[in-house]
Amino acid sequence: MNVSSNEIAASTPVFVALAMYTLPDRGEYGTQEVMVTPELATAWLRRNEANRKLRHRAVAEYAQAMQRGLWKTTGESIKFSKTGRLLDGQHRLAAIVDSGIALSMVVVTGLDNGAFDAIDTGRSRTGADVLLIEGVGARESATVAAAMPLILNYQRGLLPHNRTRYSNQELIEAWGSQEGIRRSSQFVTKLPRRVMPIMHSKALFLHWAFCQRDVEAADEFVERLYSGELLGKTEPLYHLRQRLLSMRMEGKTISEMVVLHACIKAWNAMRLGKNHASWRSVFPKSDEAFPEIAR
């Protein structure tokens, strides 16, 4: 539940509020659910001694999620030692301060100071991890997590291969709110995983982007790119596929930008009814601007 700190302050008896400020001083082990206001979070952050350096990017992401009502309770608690030292939760508390939003959180007191060394030693959840938790299949979640930044970049007017990083919450929100992404993901999961001209994540982005122009044509383009069926030797898609497979078999690396550029050029040529004599007409020249997707 998210409420403003003013609403909490107006409805909370003074003695209860004071008890919450001194809660970390309890020496005995215990847990309690507390509505943490920005004022309370500020006070508790003063007990942050020799904790790890605050990651401001993480705080900003958490605060944004709180302000948008997207913050989800995961069971993670705010932890204090027997001496009242803050052991875990500084990023969540700092986000509450920055967002101005009060949140209900579980608080644990009375831990040994030595427990700090054992807290938060695991790796952070990846985009694939959180999508898996949301119910996306294991193989599909990895593909979606890799494709989503390309889609979000494109939606924001950036080059799809831009290195912008997105929070896990942004990935989940886009997945849950955009049916087109889910449809493209379902389409791509049916593609073969042997003899692949491009990775499934790139196929997902391209299928989604082409669907903005023509859904049936997008289905046909990506399916034929993978299958190679009924491709004439003057078709741009034929030359694209042959070159991509040849480079993979030779162990040559090809940048994400070049792959996406070439696929979009082949799509544009197909939409315009153009034929090509070789792969050189499909792949980008060194000074060639990234193409728009033709209708």
Protein backbone atom coordinates (compact mmCIF):
# COMPACT_ATOMS: atom_id res chain seq x y z
CA MET A 1 0.00 0.00 0.00
CA ASN A 2 1.29 3.46 -0.94
CA VAL A 3 0.13 6.56 0.92
CA SER A 4 1.50 10.04 1.37
CA SER A 5 3.62 10.78 4.44
CA ASN A 6 1.28 13.64 5.40
CA GLU A 7 -1.65 11.23 5.65
CA ILE A 8 0.37 8.95 7.90
CA ALA A 9 1.56 11.77 10.10
CA ALA A 10 -1.98 13.08 10.55
CA SER A 11 -3.39 9.72 11.59
CA THR A 12 -0.54 8.28 13.70
CA PRO A 13 -0.50 8.89 17.48
CA VAL A 14 2.63 10.68 18.69
CA PHE A 15 3.73 7.85 21.00
CA VAL A 16 3.49 5.34 18.12
CA ALA A 17 5.56 7.58 15.85
CA LEU A 18 8.23 7.97 18.54
CA ALA A 19 8.32 4.21 19.07
CA MET A 20 9.00 3.73 15.37
CA TYR A 21 11.92 6.19 15.47
CA THR A 22 13.49 4.20 18.32
CA LEU A 23 12.58 0.78 16.94
CA PRO A 24 16.19 0.07 15.78
CA ASP A 25 17.38 0.38 19.40
CA ARG A 26 15.62 -2.81 20.42
CA GLY A 27 18.36 -5.24 21.38
CA GLU A 28 16.29 -8.39 21.05
CA TYR A 29 15.56 -10.16 17.80
CA GLY A 30 12.14 -9.43 16.37
CA THR A 31 10.16 -8.51 13.26
CA GLN A 32 7.49 -5.88 12.78
CA GLU A 33 5.60 -4.43 9.84
CA VAL A 34 6.03 -0.65 9.76
CA MET A 35 4.63 2.10 7.55
CA VAL A 36 7.90 3.83 6.66
CA THR A 37 7.42 7.52 5.89
CA PRO A 38 10.08 9.69 4.25
CA GLU A 39 10.70 11.32 7.66
CA LEU A 40 11.19 7.94 9.35
CA ALA A 41 13.40 6.73 6.50
CA THR A 42 15.57 9.83 6.89
CA ALA A 43 16.03 9.13 10.59
CA TRP A 44 16.87 5.49 10.00
CA LEU A 45 19.41 6.35 7.30
CA ARG A 46 21.41 8.22 9.94
CA ARG A 47 22.10 4.78 11.44
CA ASN A 48 23.86 3.71 8.26
CA GLU A 49 27.44 3.11 9.42
CA ALA A 50 30.11 1.83 7.03
CA ASN A 51 27.54 0.37 4.67
CA ARG A 52 28.31 -0.08 0.99
CA LYS A 53 28.37 3.00 -1.24
CA LEU A 54 24.91 4.20 -2.20
CA ARG A 55 24.08 3.39 -5.82
CA HIS A 56 22.20 6.49 -6.94
CA ARG A 57 20.95 4.86 -10.15
CA ALA A 58 19.28 2.12 -8.12
CA VAL A 59 17.74 4.68 -5.75
CA ALA A 60 16.35 6.64 -8.72
CA GLU A 61 14.86 3.48 -10.26
CA TYR A 62 13.26 2.45 -6.96
CA ALA A 63 11.88 5.96 -6.36
CA GLN A 64 10.39 6.11 -9.84
CA ALA A 65 8.68 2.76 -9.32
CA MET A 66 7.28 3.97 -5.98
CA GLN A 67 5.93 7.20 -7.47
CA ARG A 68 4.26 5.34 -10.32
CA GLY A 69 2.67 2.79 -8.00
CA LEU A 70 4.75 -0.02 -9.50
CA TRP A 71 6.79 -0.93 -6.42
CA LYS A 72 6.23 -4.54 -5.41
CA THR A 73 6.80 -5.99 -1.96
CA THR A 74 9.22 -8.92 -2.25
CA GLY A 75 9.56 -9.89 1.40
CA GLU A 76 12.94 -8.19 1.74
CA SER A 77 13.21 -6.51 5.14
CA ILE A 78 14.91 -3.49 6.62
CA LYS A 79 17.51 -4.93 8.99
CA PHE A 80 19.07 -3.45 12.15
CA SER A 81 21.74 -4.86 14.46
CA LYS A 82 21.56 -5.23 18.24
CA THR A 83 23.30 -1.85 18.50
CA GLY A 84 20.79 -0.12 16.19
CA ARG A 85 23.04 -0.08 13.15
CA LEU A 86 21.34 -0.23 9.74
CA LEU A 87 22.55 -3.43 8.08
CA ASP A 88 20.33 -3.68 5.01
CA GLY A 89 17.80 -1.48 3.23
CA GLN A 90 19.61 1.79 2.61
CA HIS A 91 18.62 1.94 -1.06
CA ARG A 92 14.94 1.33 -0.31
CA LEU A 93 14.96 3.90 2.49
CA ALA A 94 16.72 6.47 0.29
CA ALA A 95 14.13 5.85 -2.43
CA ILE A 96 11.29 6.47 0.04
CA VAL A 97 12.94 9.79 0.94
CA ASP A 98 13.36 10.78 -2.72
CA SER A 99 9.89 9.67 -3.78
CA GLY A 100 7.99 11.22 -0.88
CA ILE A 101 5.93 8.01 -0.67
CA ALA A 102 5.28 6.03 2.51
CA LEU A 103 5.47 2.25 2.16
CA SER A 104 4.73 -0.68 4.44
CA MET A 105 7.89 -2.69 5.11
CA VAL A 106 8.98 -5.52 7.35
CA VAL A 107 11.66 -4.45 9.85
CA VAL A 108 13.99 -6.91 11.58
CA THR A 109 15.84 -5.89 14.74
CA GLY A 110 18.40 -7.50 17.03
CA LEU A 111 20.73 -9.01 14.43
CA ASP A 112 24.43 -9.51 15.11
CA ASN A 113 26.65 -6.82 13.61
CA GLY A 114 28.57 -9.61 11.91
CA ALA A 115 25.47 -10.49 9.89
CA PHE A 116 26.29 -7.55 7.62
CA ASP A 117 28.97 -9.59 5.86
CA ALA A 118 26.42 -12.23 4.87
CA ILE A 119 23.73 -9.84 3.62
CA ASP A 120 23.22 -9.08 -0.08
CA THR A 121 26.10 -11.23 -1.26
CA GLY A 122 24.02 -12.88 -3.99
CA ARG A 123 23.85 -11.56 -7.55
CA SER A 124 21.16 -9.07 -8.51
CA ARG A 125 18.15 -10.37 -10.41
CA THR A 126 18.46 -10.05 -14.16
CA GLY A 127 15.70 -9.05 -16.54
CA ALA A 128 15.29 -12.72 -17.44
CA ASP A 129 14.94 -13.57 -13.73
CA VAL A 130 12.10 -11.13 -13.12
CA LEU A 131 10.28 -12.13 -16.31
CA LEU A 132 10.54 -15.73 -15.20
CA ILE A 133 8.96 -14.75 -11.88
CA GLU A 134 6.17 -13.05 -13.86
CA GLY A 135 5.37 -16.40 -15.47
CA VAL A 136 7.33 -16.17 -18.73
CA GLY A 137 8.95 -19.48 -19.72
CA ALA A 138 12.65 -20.01 -18.98
CA ARG A 139 13.86 -19.95 -22.59
CA GLU A 140 11.41 -17.25 -23.64
CA SER A 141 12.31 -14.98 -20.71
CA ALA A 142 15.97 -14.83 -21.75
CA THR A 143 14.98 -13.93 -25.32
CA VAL A 144 12.51 -11.28 -24.20
CA ALA A 145 14.98 -9.71 -21.75
CA ALA A 146 17.56 -9.36 -24.53
CA ALA A 147 15.04 -8.00 -27.05
CA MET A 148 13.23 -5.55 -24.79
CA PRO A 149 15.95 -2.85 -24.72
CA LEU A 150 15.93 -2.83 -28.54
CA ILE A 151 12.15 -2.32 -28.53
CA LEU A 152 12.19 0.34 -25.82
CA ASN A 153 14.99 2.21 -27.60
CA TYR A 154 13.04 2.18 -30.85
CA GLN A 155 9.87 3.37 -29.12
CA ARG A 156 11.80 6.30 -27.64
CA GLY A 157 13.27 7.41 -30.95
CA LEU A 158 16.72 5.95 -30.30
CA LEU A 159 18.70 3.58 -32.48
CA PRO A 160 17.67 0.07 -31.43
CA HIS A 161 21.25 -0.94 -30.63
CA ASN A 162 21.76 2.06 -28.34
CA ARG A 163 23.33 0.94 -25.04
CA THR A 164 20.64 2.51 -22.83
CA ARG A 165 19.97 0.40 -19.74
CA TYR A 166 16.45 -0.21 -18.48
CA SER A 167 15.32 -1.28 -15.04
CA ASN A 168 13.70 -4.64 -14.44
CA GLN A 169 10.50 -2.81 -13.54
CA GLU A 170 10.46 -1.08 -16.95
CA LEU A 171 10.86 -4.45 -18.67
CA ILE A 172 8.00 -5.96 -16.68
CA GLU A 173 5.76 -2.96 -17.32
CA ALA A 174 6.38 -3.08 -21.09
CA TRP A 175 5.83 -6.84 -21.19
CA GLY A 176 2.57 -6.60 -19.28
CA SER A 177 1.13 -3.61 -21.10
CA GLN A 178 2.08 -4.24 -24.76
CA GLU A 179 0.27 -7.09 -26.41
CA GLY A 180 2.35 -6.72 -29.57
CA ILE A 181 5.54 -7.68 -27.72
CA ARG A 182 3.90 -10.77 -26.30
CA ARG A 183 2.58 -11.78 -29.73
CA SER A 184 6.01 -11.39 -31.33
CA SER A 185 7.56 -13.38 -28.49
CA GLN A 186 5.09 -16.23 -29.03
CA PHE A 187 5.84 -16.16 -32.76
CA VAL A 188 9.61 -16.26 -32.24
CA THR A 189 9.48 -19.14 -29.73
CA LYS A 190 8.22 -21.37 -32.57
CA LEU A 191 11.24 -20.63 -34.78
CA PRO A 192 13.96 -23.29 -35.08
CA ARG A 193 16.96 -23.10 -32.77
CA ARG A 194 19.33 -24.86 -35.11
CA VAL A 195 20.87 -23.20 -38.17
CA MET A 196 19.81 -19.74 -36.99
CA PRO A 197 20.73 -16.79 -39.24
CA ILE A 198 20.18 -14.38 -36.32
CA MET A 199 19.59 -14.73 -32.60
CA HIS A 200 15.99 -15.07 -31.44
CA SER A 201 16.18 -11.80 -29.50
CA LYS A 202 16.94 -9.86 -32.69
CA ALA A 203 14.22 -11.77 -34.52
CA LEU A 204 11.77 -10.76 -31.79
CA PHE A 205 12.66 -7.07 -32.13
CA LEU A 206 12.50 -7.17 -35.93
CA HIS A 207 9.20 -9.06 -35.97
CA TRP A 208 7.70 -6.58 -33.50
CA ALA A 209 9.01 -3.58 -35.48
CA PHE A 210 7.83 -4.94 -38.83
CA CYS A 211 4.42 -5.72 -37.33
CA GLN A 212 3.98 -1.96 -36.84
CA ARG A 213 3.85 -1.83 -40.64
CA ASP A 214 2.25 -5.13 -41.70
CA VAL A 215 1.64 -8.12 -39.43
CA GLU A 216 1.29 -10.74 -42.18
CA ALA A 217 4.38 -9.47 -43.99
CA ALA A 218 6.32 -9.50 -40.73
CA ASP A 219 5.34 -13.12 -40.09
CA GLU A 220 6.38 -14.10 -43.61
CA PHE A 221 9.68 -12.23 -43.53
CA VAL A 222 10.95 -13.67 -40.25
CA GLU A 223 9.67 -17.19 -40.96
CA ARG A 224 11.36 -17.30 -44.39
CA LEU A 225 14.54 -15.80 -42.96
CA TYR A 226 14.79 -18.82 -40.66
CA SER A 227 13.45 -21.52 -42.97
CA GLY A 228 14.90 -20.40 -46.32
CA GLU A 229 11.88 -21.92 -48.04
CA LEU A 230 10.94 -20.79 -51.56
CA LEU A 231 13.54 -18.02 -51.66
CA GLY A 232 14.49 -16.93 -55.16
CA LYS A 233 18.16 -16.13 -55.78
CA THR A 234 17.39 -12.54 -56.67
CA GLU A 235 15.42 -11.87 -53.48
CA PRO A 236 17.09 -9.59 -50.92
CA LEU A 237 15.99 -12.00 -48.17
CA TYR A 238 17.87 -14.84 -49.91
CA HIS A 239 21.13 -12.88 -49.97
CA LEU A 240 20.65 -11.72 -46.39
CA ARG A 241 20.10 -15.25 -45.12
CA GLN A 242 22.97 -16.78 -47.08
CA ARG A 243 25.45 -14.15 -45.92
CA LEU A 244 24.41 -14.36 -42.27
CA LEU A 245 24.63 -18.16 -42.24
CA SER A 246 27.96 -18.11 -44.07
CA MET A 247 29.46 -15.71 -41.54
CA ARG A 248 28.21 -17.81 -38.61
CA MET A 249 29.66 -20.98 -40.10
CA GLU A 250 33.01 -19.25 -40.64
CA GLY A 251 33.01 -18.04 -37.04
CA LYS A 252 33.03 -14.39 -38.04
CA THR A 253 31.60 -11.85 -35.65
CA ILE A 254 29.03 -9.37 -36.87
CA SER A 255 27.87 -6.41 -34.82
CA GLU A 256 24.32 -6.00 -33.65
CA MET A 257 24.05 -2.76 -35.58
CA VAL A 258 25.08 -4.39 -38.87
CA VAL A 259 22.67 -7.32 -38.39
CA LEU A 260 19.70 -5.06 -37.69
CA HIS A 261 20.69 -2.64 -40.47
CA ALA A 262 20.95 -5.42 -43.04
CA CYS A 263 17.65 -7.02 -41.99
CA ILE A 264 15.81 -3.71 -42.25
CA LYS A 265 17.37 -3.02 -45.68
CA ALA A 266 16.19 -6.43 -46.88
CA TRP A 267 12.69 -5.73 -45.51
CA ASN A 268 12.61 -2.32 -47.23
CA ALA A 269 13.73 -3.84 -50.56
CA MET A 270 11.07 -6.55 -50.24
CA ARG A 271 8.36 -3.97 -49.56
CA LEU A 272 9.45 -1.99 -52.61
CA GLY A 273 9.63 -5.10 -54.82
CA LYS A 274 13.36 -4.71 -55.49
CA ASN A 275 15.70 -7.54 -56.49
CA HIS A 276 19.41 -7.80 -55.68
CA ALA A 277 22.26 -9.65 -57.32
CA SER A 278 24.41 -10.13 -54.19
CA TRP A 279 24.57 -9.64 -50.44
CA ARG A 280 26.58 -6.42 -50.89
CA SER A 281 23.41 -4.55 -51.82
CA VAL A 282 21.77 -5.63 -48.56
CA PHE A 283 24.55 -5.03 -46.06
CA PRO A 284 25.33 -1.46 -45.00
CA LYS A 285 28.24 0.57 -46.29
CA SER A 286 30.55 2.11 -43.69
CA ASP A 287 29.07 5.62 -44.05
CA GLU A 288 25.44 4.57 -44.47
CA ALA A 289 22.87 5.95 -42.02
CA PHE A 290 20.68 3.50 -40.13
CA PRO A 291 17.51 3.01 -42.21
CA GLU A 292 13.90 3.76 -41.39
CA ILE A 293 11.52 0.83 -41.70
CA ALA A 294 9.51 1.06 -44.91
CA ARG A 295 5.77 0.57 -45.01
